[in-house]
């Protein structure tokens, strides 16, 4: 019985480890500026020890992060850490935005967040859906903003 329990714990830990991203691609397929912050933790931990700077992505743009190092914020600049999910404010900080959270499902996070994006002058821009496409085998996750 103890061997079975140990095997189940090992499988759970490995599934969590493989659910984390080491790279991220962000696409904005909307006509509005979108905002996001990436969070993560040390490898094999579903946490939010690290939080990126607030990042704006213009319509039609793509951001590629091969590691967590360029994310800024509290992410270390000398060692790559895991990427677990994203905080999605519906607008810039000055507009006191609402925030949704999406990310890796094994870490208990949703894959989809729908909201009304707001402009820099705090006016509604458009209905937006942020979708998280999980990483496989510690590879690249994707965050895509769609109308």
N, C-alpha and C. Protein backbone atom coordinates (compact mmCIF):
# COMPACT_ATOMS: atom_id res chain seq x y z
N UNK A 1 0.82 -1.19 0.00
CA UNK A 1 0.00 0.00 0.00
C UNK A 1 0.87 1.26 0.00
N UNK A 2 1.96 1.23 0.79
CA UNK A 2 2.85 2.38 0.83
C UNK A 2 3.50 2.64 -0.52
N UNK A 3 3.85 1.58 -1.25
CA UNK A 3 4.45 1.75 -2.57
C UNK A 3 3.45 2.38 -3.54
N UNK A 4 2.20 1.97 -3.47
CA UNK A 4 1.17 2.55 -4.33
C UNK A 4 0.99 4.03 -4.02
N UNK A 5 0.94 4.37 -2.74
CA UNK A 5 0.79 5.76 -2.34
C UNK A 5 1.98 6.59 -2.82
N UNK A 6 3.20 6.05 -2.66
CA UNK A 6 4.41 6.76 -3.11
C UNK A 6 4.39 6.96 -4.62
N UNK A 7 3.93 5.98 -5.35
CA UNK A 7 3.83 6.10 -6.79
C UNK A 7 2.84 7.19 -7.19
N UNK A 8 1.69 7.23 -6.53
CA UNK A 8 0.69 8.26 -6.83
C UNK A 8 1.22 9.66 -6.53
N UNK A 9 1.93 9.82 -5.42
CA UNK A 9 2.52 11.13 -5.08
C UNK A 9 3.56 11.52 -6.13
N UNK A 10 4.39 10.57 -6.55
CA UNK A 10 5.40 10.86 -7.57
C UNK A 10 4.75 11.28 -8.88
N UNK A 11 3.67 10.62 -9.27
CA UNK A 11 2.97 10.99 -10.50
C UNK A 11 2.37 12.38 -10.39
N UNK A 12 1.79 12.71 -9.24
CA UNK A 12 1.22 14.04 -9.04
C UNK A 12 2.29 15.10 -9.14
N UNK A 13 3.41 14.90 -8.48
CA UNK A 13 4.49 15.88 -8.52
C UNK A 13 5.02 16.04 -9.94
N UNK A 14 5.19 14.94 -10.67
CA UNK A 14 5.70 15.06 -12.03
C UNK A 14 4.69 15.74 -12.94
N UNK A 15 3.40 15.52 -12.74
CA UNK A 15 2.41 16.19 -13.58
C UNK A 15 2.40 17.69 -13.32
N UNK A 16 2.62 18.10 -12.07
CA UNK A 16 2.70 19.52 -11.77
C UNK A 16 3.95 20.11 -12.40
N UNK A 17 5.06 19.41 -12.30
CA UNK A 17 6.31 19.91 -12.87
C UNK A 17 6.18 20.08 -14.38
N UNK A 18 5.56 19.11 -15.05
CA UNK A 18 5.43 19.20 -16.50
C UNK A 18 4.34 20.17 -16.93
N UNK A 19 3.57 20.70 -15.98
CA UNK A 19 2.52 21.63 -16.35
C UNK A 19 3.02 23.06 -16.37
N UNK A 20 4.24 23.29 -15.95
CA UNK A 20 4.75 24.65 -15.91
C UNK A 20 5.49 24.98 -17.19
N UNK A 21 5.41 26.24 -17.56
CA UNK A 21 6.08 26.69 -18.78
C UNK A 21 7.44 27.28 -18.45
N UNK A 22 8.33 27.16 -19.39
CA UNK A 22 9.62 27.84 -19.29
C UNK A 22 9.68 28.95 -20.33
N UNK A 23 8.75 28.96 -21.26
CA UNK A 23 8.69 29.97 -22.31
C UNK A 23 7.23 30.36 -22.51
N UNK A 24 7.02 31.54 -23.09
CA UNK A 24 5.67 32.04 -23.28
C UNK A 24 5.58 32.86 -24.57
N UNK A 25 4.49 32.67 -25.28
CA UNK A 25 4.18 33.48 -26.47
C UNK A 25 2.86 34.18 -26.17
N UNK A 26 2.82 35.51 -26.33
CA UNK A 26 1.62 36.30 -26.09
C UNK A 26 1.22 36.95 -27.41
N UNK A 27 -0.05 36.76 -27.80
CA UNK A 27 -0.57 37.33 -29.05
C UNK A 27 -1.78 38.20 -28.75
N UNK A 28 -1.84 39.37 -29.36
CA UNK A 28 -3.01 40.23 -29.24
C UNK A 28 -3.71 40.28 -30.60
N UNK A 29 -4.80 39.54 -30.72
CA UNK A 29 -5.57 39.48 -31.95
C UNK A 29 -6.78 40.43 -31.92
N UNK A 30 -6.77 41.37 -30.97
CA UNK A 30 -7.89 42.31 -30.84
C UNK A 30 -7.51 43.67 -31.43
N UNK A 31 -8.45 44.61 -31.41
CA UNK A 31 -8.20 45.98 -31.84
C UNK A 31 -7.95 46.91 -30.66
N UNK A 32 -7.71 46.35 -29.48
CA UNK A 32 -7.49 47.13 -28.26
C UNK A 32 -6.12 46.80 -27.68
N UNK A 33 -5.52 47.77 -26.99
CA UNK A 33 -4.33 47.48 -26.21
C UNK A 33 -4.76 46.57 -25.06
N UNK A 34 -3.99 45.51 -24.82
CA UNK A 34 -4.28 44.58 -23.73
C UNK A 34 -3.14 44.64 -22.71
N UNK A 35 -3.45 44.29 -21.47
CA UNK A 35 -2.48 44.35 -20.38
C UNK A 35 -2.39 42.98 -19.72
N UNK A 36 -1.19 42.65 -19.24
CA UNK A 36 -1.01 41.39 -18.54
C UNK A 36 0.20 41.45 -17.62
N UNK A 37 0.20 40.56 -16.63
CA UNK A 37 1.34 40.31 -15.77
C UNK A 37 1.50 38.80 -15.67
N UNK A 38 2.70 38.32 -15.78
CA UNK A 38 2.98 36.89 -15.70
C UNK A 38 3.45 36.57 -14.30
N UNK A 39 3.01 35.43 -13.77
CA UNK A 39 3.50 35.01 -12.46
C UNK A 39 3.98 33.57 -12.51
N UNK A 40 4.82 33.24 -11.57
CA UNK A 40 5.36 31.89 -11.49
C UNK A 40 6.11 31.68 -10.21
N UNK A 41 6.87 30.61 -10.17
CA UNK A 41 7.57 30.24 -8.95
C UNK A 41 8.82 29.47 -9.33
N UNK A 42 9.46 28.89 -8.31
CA UNK A 42 10.57 28.01 -8.57
C UNK A 42 10.03 26.77 -9.28
N UNK A 43 10.91 26.03 -9.91
CA UNK A 43 10.48 24.85 -10.65
C UNK A 43 9.73 23.87 -9.74
N UNK A 44 8.70 23.27 -10.30
CA UNK A 44 7.89 22.25 -9.64
C UNK A 44 7.01 22.81 -8.52
N UNK A 45 6.80 24.12 -8.49
CA UNK A 45 5.92 24.71 -7.48
C UNK A 45 4.84 25.52 -8.20
N UNK A 46 3.59 25.22 -7.90
CA UNK A 46 2.47 26.00 -8.44
C UNK A 46 2.24 27.20 -7.54
N UNK A 47 2.99 28.23 -7.75
CA UNK A 47 2.87 29.39 -6.89
C UNK A 47 3.02 30.69 -7.64
N UNK A 48 3.06 31.76 -6.88
CA UNK A 48 3.19 33.09 -7.47
C UNK A 48 4.26 33.90 -6.74
N UNK A 49 5.37 33.26 -6.47
CA UNK A 49 6.50 33.92 -5.81
C UNK A 49 7.02 35.07 -6.65
N UNK A 50 6.94 34.94 -7.97
CA UNK A 50 7.46 35.96 -8.89
C UNK A 50 6.30 36.57 -9.69
N UNK A 51 6.37 37.87 -9.91
CA UNK A 51 5.35 38.58 -10.68
C UNK A 51 6.05 39.57 -11.61
N UNK A 52 5.72 39.49 -12.90
CA UNK A 52 6.35 40.38 -13.88
C UNK A 52 5.86 41.81 -13.71
N UNK A 53 6.50 42.70 -14.41
CA UNK A 53 6.02 44.06 -14.54
C UNK A 53 4.68 44.03 -15.29
N UNK A 54 3.91 45.09 -15.21
CA UNK A 54 2.69 45.20 -16.02
C UNK A 54 3.13 45.46 -17.45
N UNK A 55 2.63 44.65 -18.36
CA UNK A 55 3.04 44.73 -19.76
C UNK A 55 1.82 45.06 -20.62
N UNK A 56 1.99 46.00 -21.54
CA UNK A 56 0.94 46.35 -22.51
C UNK A 56 1.35 45.75 -23.86
N UNK A 57 0.37 45.19 -24.55
CA UNK A 57 0.63 44.66 -25.89
C UNK A 57 -0.36 45.32 -26.86
N UNK A 58 0.18 45.94 -27.89
CA UNK A 58 -0.64 46.64 -28.86
C UNK A 58 -1.39 45.67 -29.78
N UNK A 59 -2.47 46.15 -30.42
CA UNK A 59 -3.22 45.29 -31.34
C UNK A 59 -2.31 44.70 -32.41
N UNK A 60 -2.49 43.40 -32.66
CA UNK A 60 -1.74 42.72 -33.69
C UNK A 60 -0.33 42.31 -33.32
N UNK A 61 0.15 42.70 -32.15
CA UNK A 61 1.52 42.39 -31.77
C UNK A 61 1.65 41.02 -31.13
N UNK A 62 2.89 40.54 -31.11
CA UNK A 62 3.26 39.26 -30.49
C UNK A 62 4.48 39.51 -29.62
N UNK A 63 4.45 38.98 -28.41
CA UNK A 63 5.60 39.01 -27.50
C UNK A 63 6.07 37.58 -27.28
N UNK A 64 7.34 37.33 -27.46
CA UNK A 64 7.92 36.00 -27.21
C UNK A 64 8.92 36.09 -26.06
N UNK A 65 8.77 35.20 -25.11
CA UNK A 65 9.68 35.09 -23.97
C UNK A 65 10.24 33.68 -23.98
N UNK A 66 11.51 33.54 -24.33
CA UNK A 66 12.12 32.21 -24.33
C UNK A 66 12.46 31.73 -22.93
N UNK A 67 12.57 32.67 -21.99
CA UNK A 67 12.75 32.38 -20.57
C UNK A 67 12.00 33.45 -19.79
N UNK A 68 11.98 33.32 -18.48
CA UNK A 68 11.32 34.31 -17.63
C UNK A 68 12.19 35.53 -17.37
N UNK A 69 13.45 35.48 -17.73
CA UNK A 69 14.41 36.54 -17.38
C UNK A 69 13.97 37.93 -17.87
N UNK A 70 13.43 38.12 -19.08
CA UNK A 70 13.05 39.48 -19.50
C UNK A 70 11.71 39.97 -18.95
N UNK A 71 11.03 39.20 -18.11
CA UNK A 71 9.71 39.60 -17.63
C UNK A 71 9.75 40.76 -16.63
N UNK A 72 10.88 40.98 -15.99
CA UNK A 72 10.99 42.08 -15.04
C UNK A 72 10.19 41.83 -13.78
N UNK A 73 9.82 42.90 -13.10
CA UNK A 73 9.09 42.76 -11.84
C UNK A 73 9.96 42.07 -10.81
N UNK A 74 9.40 41.06 -10.14
CA UNK A 74 10.16 40.34 -9.11
C UNK A 74 10.83 39.07 -9.66
N UNK A 75 10.69 38.80 -10.96
CA UNK A 75 11.41 37.67 -11.55
C UNK A 75 12.91 37.97 -11.51
N UNK A 76 13.73 36.98 -11.14
CA UNK A 76 15.18 37.21 -11.13
C UNK A 76 15.72 37.47 -12.53
N UNK A 77 16.77 38.28 -12.60
CA UNK A 77 17.37 38.59 -13.91
C UNK A 77 18.54 37.68 -14.23
N UNK A 78 18.87 36.76 -13.30
CA UNK A 78 20.03 35.91 -13.54
C UNK A 78 19.70 34.42 -13.55
N UNK A 79 18.42 34.06 -13.37
CA UNK A 79 18.04 32.64 -13.38
C UNK A 79 16.60 32.52 -13.87
N UNK A 80 16.39 31.62 -14.80
CA UNK A 80 15.05 31.40 -15.33
C UNK A 80 14.20 30.64 -14.32
N UNK A 81 12.97 31.06 -14.16
CA UNK A 81 12.01 30.43 -13.26
C UNK A 81 10.80 29.97 -14.06
N UNK A 82 9.88 29.29 -13.41
CA UNK A 82 8.71 28.78 -14.13
C UNK A 82 7.70 29.89 -14.38
N UNK A 83 6.87 29.65 -15.36
CA UNK A 83 5.74 30.52 -15.68
C UNK A 83 4.49 29.70 -15.41
N UNK A 84 3.66 30.15 -14.48
CA UNK A 84 2.49 29.39 -14.06
C UNK A 84 1.20 29.97 -14.64
N UNK A 85 1.12 31.28 -14.76
CA UNK A 85 -0.12 31.89 -15.25
C UNK A 85 0.01 33.38 -15.48
N UNK A 86 -1.15 34.02 -15.68
CA UNK A 86 -1.17 35.45 -15.96
C UNK A 86 -2.30 36.13 -15.20
N UNK A 87 -2.01 37.33 -14.74
CA UNK A 87 -3.03 38.24 -14.21
C UNK A 87 -3.42 39.13 -15.38
N UNK A 88 -4.73 39.29 -15.61
CA UNK A 88 -5.21 40.06 -16.75
C UNK A 88 -6.06 41.23 -16.25
N UNK A 89 -5.47 42.42 -16.12
CA UNK A 89 -6.29 43.59 -15.80
C UNK A 89 -7.02 44.03 -17.07
N UNK A 90 -8.24 44.53 -16.93
CA UNK A 90 -8.99 44.91 -18.13
C UNK A 90 -8.59 46.28 -18.67
N UNK A 91 -7.61 46.93 -18.04
CA UNK A 91 -7.15 48.23 -18.52
C UNK A 91 -5.94 48.68 -17.74
N UNK A 92 -5.48 49.92 -18.00
CA UNK A 92 -4.30 50.43 -17.31
C UNK A 92 -4.58 50.70 -15.83
N UNK A 93 -3.52 50.76 -15.05
CA UNK A 93 -3.62 50.93 -13.60
C UNK A 93 -4.42 52.17 -13.21
N UNK A 94 -4.24 53.28 -13.94
CA UNK A 94 -4.93 54.52 -13.58
C UNK A 94 -6.45 54.40 -13.66
N UNK A 95 -6.96 53.40 -14.35
CA UNK A 95 -8.41 53.20 -14.48
C UNK A 95 -8.96 52.27 -13.39
N UNK A 96 -8.12 51.84 -12.45
CA UNK A 96 -8.51 50.92 -11.39
C UNK A 96 -9.22 49.70 -11.98
N UNK A 97 -8.49 48.94 -12.78
CA UNK A 97 -9.11 47.83 -13.52
C UNK A 97 -9.50 46.65 -12.63
N UNK A 98 -10.45 45.87 -13.13
CA UNK A 98 -10.71 44.57 -12.54
C UNK A 98 -9.66 43.61 -13.09
N UNK A 99 -9.43 42.51 -12.38
CA UNK A 99 -8.36 41.59 -12.77
C UNK A 99 -8.87 40.16 -12.75
N UNK A 100 -8.53 39.41 -13.79
CA UNK A 100 -8.80 37.97 -13.84
C UNK A 100 -7.49 37.22 -13.83
N UNK A 101 -7.55 35.95 -13.51
CA UNK A 101 -6.35 35.11 -13.46
C UNK A 101 -6.58 33.85 -14.27
N UNK A 102 -5.61 33.52 -15.12
CA UNK A 102 -5.66 32.29 -15.92
C UNK A 102 -4.28 31.64 -15.90
N UNK A 103 -4.23 30.36 -16.25
CA UNK A 103 -2.94 29.70 -16.30
C UNK A 103 -3.04 28.19 -16.34
N UNK A 104 -2.03 27.54 -15.84
CA UNK A 104 -1.90 26.10 -15.92
C UNK A 104 -2.98 25.38 -15.09
N UNK A 105 -3.82 24.54 -15.72
CA UNK A 105 -4.89 23.84 -15.00
C UNK A 105 -4.42 22.95 -13.84
N UNK A 106 -3.28 22.24 -13.93
CA UNK A 106 -2.86 21.44 -12.78
C UNK A 106 -2.55 22.29 -11.54
N UNK A 107 -2.38 23.59 -11.75
CA UNK A 107 -2.15 24.50 -10.63
C UNK A 107 -3.46 25.13 -10.15
N UNK A 108 -4.59 24.62 -10.66
CA UNK A 108 -5.90 25.09 -10.22
C UNK A 108 -6.37 26.36 -10.90
N UNK A 109 -5.81 26.70 -12.05
CA UNK A 109 -6.16 27.95 -12.73
C UNK A 109 -7.06 27.69 -13.94
N UNK A 110 -7.92 28.65 -14.21
CA UNK A 110 -8.82 28.58 -15.36
C UNK A 110 -8.03 28.84 -16.64
N UNK A 111 -8.58 28.41 -17.77
CA UNK A 111 -7.95 28.64 -19.07
C UNK A 111 -8.48 29.87 -19.78
N UNK A 112 -9.66 30.38 -19.38
CA UNK A 112 -10.31 31.47 -20.11
C UNK A 112 -10.80 32.54 -19.14
N UNK A 113 -10.61 33.80 -19.54
CA UNK A 113 -11.15 34.95 -18.81
C UNK A 113 -11.71 35.92 -19.84
N UNK A 114 -12.99 36.26 -19.71
CA UNK A 114 -13.64 37.18 -20.64
C UNK A 114 -14.00 38.46 -19.90
N UNK A 115 -13.79 39.59 -20.56
CA UNK A 115 -13.97 40.90 -19.92
C UNK A 115 -14.14 41.97 -20.99
N UNK A 116 -14.48 43.19 -20.57
CA UNK A 116 -14.51 44.33 -21.48
C UNK A 116 -13.21 45.10 -21.28
N UNK A 117 -12.38 45.14 -22.31
CA UNK A 117 -11.13 45.88 -22.25
C UNK A 117 -11.44 47.38 -22.24
N UNK A 118 -10.64 48.12 -21.49
CA UNK A 118 -10.85 49.56 -21.45
C UNK A 118 -9.60 50.28 -21.95
N UNK A 119 -9.81 51.46 -22.50
CA UNK A 119 -8.73 52.24 -23.12
C UNK A 119 -7.94 53.00 -22.06
N UNK A 120 -6.87 53.67 -22.50
CA UNK A 120 -6.05 54.45 -21.57
C UNK A 120 -6.79 55.63 -20.99
N UNK A 121 -7.87 56.06 -21.63
CA UNK A 121 -8.69 57.12 -21.04
C UNK A 121 -9.92 56.54 -20.34
N UNK A 122 -9.83 55.26 -19.98
CA UNK A 122 -10.82 54.55 -19.15
C UNK A 122 -12.19 54.38 -19.79
N UNK A 123 -12.24 54.31 -21.10
CA UNK A 123 -13.50 54.04 -21.81
C UNK A 123 -13.52 52.61 -22.31
N UNK A 124 -14.70 52.01 -22.42
CA UNK A 124 -14.77 50.64 -22.95
C UNK A 124 -14.22 50.58 -24.37
N UNK A 125 -13.46 49.54 -24.65
CA UNK A 125 -12.91 49.34 -26.00
C UNK A 125 -13.66 48.21 -26.70
N UNK A 126 -13.63 46.99 -26.12
CA UNK A 126 -14.31 45.85 -26.75
C UNK A 126 -14.31 44.66 -25.81
N UNK A 127 -15.27 43.78 -26.04
CA UNK A 127 -15.31 42.50 -25.33
C UNK A 127 -14.07 41.70 -25.74
N UNK A 128 -13.38 41.13 -24.77
CA UNK A 128 -12.13 40.42 -25.03
C UNK A 128 -12.12 39.11 -24.26
N UNK A 129 -11.51 38.10 -24.85
CA UNK A 129 -11.28 36.83 -24.16
C UNK A 129 -9.79 36.57 -24.14
N UNK A 130 -9.26 36.35 -22.94
CA UNK A 130 -7.86 35.93 -22.78
C UNK A 130 -7.89 34.43 -22.61
N UNK A 131 -7.10 33.73 -23.41
CA UNK A 131 -7.04 32.26 -23.36
C UNK A 131 -5.61 31.82 -23.07
N UNK A 132 -5.48 30.89 -22.14
CA UNK A 132 -4.19 30.30 -21.81
C UNK A 132 -4.12 28.92 -22.43
N UNK A 133 -3.10 28.68 -23.23
CA UNK A 133 -2.85 27.37 -23.81
C UNK A 133 -1.67 26.78 -23.06
N UNK A 134 -1.90 25.73 -22.28
CA UNK A 134 -0.87 25.20 -21.38
C UNK A 134 0.37 24.70 -22.10
N UNK A 135 1.45 24.74 -21.35
CA UNK A 135 2.72 24.19 -21.83
C UNK A 135 2.67 22.67 -21.73
N UNK A 136 3.42 22.01 -22.58
CA UNK A 136 3.57 20.57 -22.46
C UNK A 136 5.05 20.28 -22.21
N UNK A 137 5.32 19.39 -21.29
CA UNK A 137 6.68 18.97 -20.96
C UNK A 137 7.60 20.17 -20.71
N UNK A 138 7.14 21.12 -19.90
CA UNK A 138 7.94 22.30 -19.55
C UNK A 138 8.33 23.13 -20.77
N UNK A 139 7.50 23.13 -21.78
CA UNK A 139 7.79 23.88 -22.99
C UNK A 139 7.19 25.28 -22.96
N UNK A 140 6.63 25.68 -24.09
CA UNK A 140 6.09 27.02 -24.26
C UNK A 140 4.57 27.03 -24.04
N UNK A 141 4.10 27.93 -23.19
CA UNK A 141 2.68 28.19 -23.05
C UNK A 141 2.34 29.35 -23.97
N UNK A 142 1.03 29.53 -24.23
CA UNK A 142 0.59 30.66 -25.05
C UNK A 142 -0.53 31.40 -24.34
N UNK A 143 -0.49 32.71 -24.42
CA UNK A 143 -1.56 33.58 -23.94
C UNK A 143 -2.05 34.35 -25.15
N UNK A 144 -3.33 34.16 -25.50
CA UNK A 144 -3.85 34.81 -26.71
C UNK A 144 -5.09 35.61 -26.35
N UNK A 145 -5.09 36.88 -26.75
CA UNK A 145 -6.23 37.78 -26.58
C UNK A 145 -7.02 37.79 -27.90
N UNK A 146 -8.33 37.47 -27.82
CA UNK A 146 -9.18 37.46 -29.00
C UNK A 146 -10.44 38.28 -28.74
N UNK A 147 -11.06 38.77 -29.84
CA UNK A 147 -12.33 39.49 -29.66
C UNK A 147 -13.44 38.57 -29.24
